Structures are given as structure tokens and as C-alpha cells.
N, C-alpha and C. Protein backbone atom coordinates (compact mmCIF):
# COMPACT_ATOMS: atom_id res chain seq x y z
N MET A 1 4.92 12.50 -3.60
CA MET A 1 6.55 11.51 -3.04
C MET A 1 6.45 9.54 -3.57
N LYS A 2 5.66 8.84 -3.32
CA LYS A 2 5.62 7.64 -4.88
C LYS A 2 5.21 7.01 -2.98
N ASN A 3 4.60 6.17 -3.50
CA ASN A 3 4.43 5.00 -2.45
C ASN A 3 5.76 3.81 -2.38
N LYS A 4 5.86 3.52 -1.08
CA LYS A 4 6.83 2.17 -1.09
C LYS A 4 6.49 1.43 -0.98
N THR A 5 7.67 0.25 -1.20
CA THR A 5 6.24 -1.16 -1.10
C THR A 5 7.06 -2.15 -0.65
N ILE A 6 7.10 -2.70 0.25
CA ILE A 6 7.97 -3.63 1.89
C ILE A 6 7.25 -5.06 1.61
N ASN A 7 7.90 -5.42 1.95
CA ASN A 7 7.40 -6.94 1.64
C ASN A 7 7.04 -6.68 3.40
N ILE A 8 7.10 -8.66 3.47
CA ILE A 8 6.29 -8.66 5.40
C ILE A 8 7.46 -8.38 5.90
N SER A 9 8.31 -9.83 5.66
CA SER A 9 10.30 -10.05 5.91
C SER A 9 10.46 -8.34 6.83
N GLN A 10 11.06 -7.79 5.08
CA GLN A 10 11.26 -6.36 5.92
C GLN A 10 10.80 -5.44 6.59
N LEU A 11 9.67 -5.25 7.08
CA LEU A 11 8.66 -4.74 7.71
C LEU A 11 9.27 -5.28 8.98
N GLN A 12 8.46 -6.75 9.46
CA GLN A 12 9.18 -6.60 10.81
C GLN A 12 10.58 -6.20 11.08
N ALA A 13 11.23 -6.66 10.24
CA ALA A 13 13.25 -6.00 10.29
C ALA A 13 13.08 -4.04 10.23
N GLU A 14 12.41 -3.98 9.75
CA GLU A 14 12.32 -2.17 10.02
C GLU A 14 11.53 -1.69 10.42
N ALA A 15 9.76 -1.76 11.48
CA ALA A 15 8.87 -1.19 11.54
C ALA A 15 8.72 -0.18 11.79
N SER A 16 9.98 0.20 13.20
CA SER A 16 10.57 1.28 13.42
C SER A 16 10.34 2.29 12.91
N GLN A 17 11.84 2.48 11.84
CA GLN A 17 12.17 3.33 10.68
C GLN A 17 10.37 3.31 9.38
N VAL A 18 9.96 2.82 9.24
CA VAL A 18 9.09 2.68 8.53
C VAL A 18 7.44 3.49 9.29
N ILE A 19 7.36 3.57 10.66
CA ILE A 19 6.45 3.96 11.04
C ILE A 19 6.68 5.35 11.30
N LYS A 20 8.39 5.13 11.66
CA LYS A 20 8.30 7.27 11.41
C LYS A 20 8.35 7.72 10.55
N GLU A 21 9.00 6.97 9.32
CA GLU A 21 8.48 7.37 7.86
C GLU A 21 7.27 7.76 7.86
N VAL A 22 6.27 6.76 7.86
CA VAL A 22 4.70 7.42 7.54
C VAL A 22 4.35 8.52 8.50
N SER A 23 4.76 8.57 10.10
CA SER A 23 4.77 9.75 10.66
C SER A 23 4.84 11.41 10.29
N VAL A 24 5.71 10.92 10.39
CA VAL A 24 6.90 12.13 10.14
C VAL A 24 6.63 12.69 9.14
N ASP A 25 6.82 11.28 7.59
CA ASP A 25 7.08 12.22 6.30
C ASP A 25 6.03 12.28 5.58
N GLY A 26 5.36 11.93 5.88
CA GLY A 26 3.66 11.39 5.43
C GLY A 26 3.92 9.99 4.00
N GLN A 27 4.94 9.49 4.32
CA GLN A 27 5.43 8.47 3.70
C GLN A 27 4.23 7.68 3.14
N ILE A 28 3.72 6.40 2.59
CA ILE A 28 2.44 4.99 2.40
C ILE A 28 3.64 4.14 1.89
N TYR A 29 3.23 3.12 2.56
CA TYR A 29 3.21 1.72 2.03
C TYR A 29 2.71 0.84 2.28
N GLU A 30 3.20 -0.02 0.96
CA GLU A 30 2.50 -1.05 0.26
C GLU A 30 3.06 -2.09 1.09
N VAL A 31 2.46 -3.04 1.83
CA VAL A 31 2.46 -4.52 2.44
C VAL A 31 2.11 -5.75 0.87
N MET A 32 2.98 -5.78 1.44
CA MET A 32 3.38 -6.74 0.40
C MET A 32 3.23 -8.80 0.44
N ARG A 33 2.66 -9.69 0.55
CA ARG A 33 2.72 -11.32 1.51
C ARG A 33 2.23 -12.08 0.19
N TYR A 34 3.72 -12.28 -0.36
CA TYR A 34 3.26 -13.89 -1.29
C TYR A 34 3.48 -13.25 -2.59
N SER A 35 4.33 -11.81 -2.90
CA SER A 35 4.56 -10.71 -3.86
C SER A 35 2.50 -10.35 -4.15
N GLU A 36 2.33 -10.55 -3.82
CA GLU A 36 0.66 -9.87 -3.56
C GLU A 36 0.00 -8.33 -2.80
N PRO A 37 0.07 -7.39 -3.13
CA PRO A 37 -0.85 -6.65 -2.10
C PRO A 37 -1.18 -6.94 -1.14
N ALA A 38 -1.20 -6.75 0.76
CA ALA A 38 -1.88 -7.48 1.37
C ALA A 38 -2.88 -6.39 2.30
N ALA A 39 -1.85 -5.11 2.07
CA ALA A 39 -2.23 -3.81 3.20
C ALA A 39 -1.31 -2.82 2.58
N VAL A 40 -1.81 -1.58 3.26
CA VAL A 40 -2.12 -0.09 2.91
C VAL A 40 -0.95 0.26 4.61
N ILE A 41 -0.25 1.38 4.43
CA ILE A 41 0.44 1.88 6.11
C ILE A 41 -0.13 3.28 5.22
N ILE A 42 -0.38 3.98 5.80
CA ILE A 42 -0.57 5.39 5.71
C ILE A 42 -1.09 6.06 6.65
N PRO A 43 -0.81 7.52 6.95
CA PRO A 43 -0.05 8.64 8.08
C PRO A 43 -2.05 8.82 8.99
N PHE A 44 -1.56 8.99 10.20
CA PHE A 44 -3.61 8.40 10.52
C PHE A 44 -4.28 9.35 10.11
N LYS A 45 -3.69 11.17 10.58
CA LYS A 45 -4.17 12.58 9.78
C LYS A 45 -5.49 11.54 8.29
N GLU A 46 -4.98 10.52 7.49
CA GLU A 46 -4.91 10.31 6.02
C GLU A 46 -6.28 9.28 6.14
N TYR A 47 -6.45 8.78 7.54
CA TYR A 47 -6.44 7.61 7.90
C TYR A 47 -8.10 8.22 8.08
N GLU A 48 -7.61 9.32 8.95
CA GLU A 48 -9.32 9.92 9.71
C GLU A 48 -10.00 10.30 8.20
N LYS A 49 -9.36 10.97 7.07
CA LYS A 49 -9.93 11.51 6.40
C LYS A 49 -10.16 11.03 5.35
N LEU A 50 -9.96 9.84 5.26
CA LEU A 50 -10.88 9.13 4.20
C LEU A 50 -11.94 8.29 5.33
N ARG A 51 -11.41 8.07 6.59
CA ARG A 51 -12.75 7.45 7.43
C ARG A 51 -14.60 8.32 7.73
N GLY A 52 -13.40 9.56 7.72
CA GLY A 52 -14.59 10.86 7.94
C GLY A 52 -15.20 11.33 6.20
N GLY A 53 -14.44 11.03 5.59
CA GLY A 53 -15.71 11.09 4.27
C GLY A 53 -16.44 9.84 3.40
N CYS A 54 -16.16 8.65 4.12
CA CYS A 54 -16.68 7.33 3.83
C CYS A 54 -18.47 7.78 5.59
N HIS A 55 -18.01 8.25 6.50
CA HIS A 55 -18.75 7.90 7.54
C HIS A 55 -19.95 9.21 6.94
N LYS A 56 -19.04 10.59 6.63
CA LYS A 56 -20.58 11.28 5.30
C LYS A 56 -20.88 10.76 4.69
N CYS A 57 -19.99 10.58 3.57
CA CYS A 57 -21.35 9.23 2.24
C CYS A 57 -22.39 8.61 2.56
N VAL A 58 -22.10 8.43 3.80
CA VAL A 58 -23.02 7.36 4.16
C VAL A 58 -24.33 7.63 4.88
N GLU A 59 -24.06 8.94 5.23
CA GLU A 59 -25.10 10.01 6.02
C GLU A 59 -25.70 10.78 5.50
N GLU A 60 -24.83 11.32 3.50
CA GLU A 60 -26.16 11.87 2.83
C GLU A 60 -26.58 11.13 2.18
N ILE A 61 -26.50 9.55 1.87
CA ILE A 61 -26.97 8.08 1.05
C ILE A 61 -28.10 8.41 2.64
N LYS A 62 -28.59 8.15 3.34
CA LYS A 62 -29.35 7.99 4.60
C LYS A 62 -30.15 9.03 4.11
N GLN A 63 -30.13 10.26 4.18
CA GLN A 63 -31.05 11.25 3.96
C GLN A 63 -30.96 11.39 3.09
N ILE A 64 -30.76 11.63 2.14
CA ILE A 64 -31.93 10.80 0.60
C ILE A 64 -32.88 9.91 0.52
N ILE A 65 -32.31 9.05 0.63
CA ILE A 65 -32.61 7.77 1.17
C ILE A 65 -34.57 8.35 1.30
N LEU A 66 -34.22 8.86 2.80
CA LEU A 66 -35.27 9.25 3.66
C LEU A 66 -35.83 10.33 3.45
N ARG A 67 -35.19 11.31 1.72
CA ARG A 67 -36.37 12.07 1.31
C ARG A 67 -37.23 11.87 1.02
N LYS A 68 -37.26 10.33 -0.29
CA LYS A 68 -37.68 9.30 -0.97
C LYS A 68 -38.85 9.20 0.13
């Protein structure tokens, strides 16, 4: 599925629909502000994966450092 782009004004007007597409369909939105990327809206499960992966990497790095 291709990411969709939306500006802040559109997001304000269509927030309910955007959240539905993200949570139900897995759609990803790139939010633009003044024609520049400002934020990304992703499904919560994707967020958890990203966040969990980051914490796992940090812990692995700590363990490597402690072994030295």
C-alpha cells in the first residue's frame, strides 16, 4: 500500500476518516506543513514494533559495552 500525503488543513477536516484508514486498513499518512514533511501517522502496531525494536537495540548495545 502506498503512503498517502495530507496537509494539516485536510487532516483537521478529515481526522476521523484518516484515523479509521490508519487503524483499520493499515494506511500510512505523511502530514505536510508548508509543503514540508512534518509528521507521519502510522498504525499503533507498527509504532509498537518500531519502539520495541529500538529498545531492544539499545539493550544489546549496552550489553556489548558492558562485556568490554
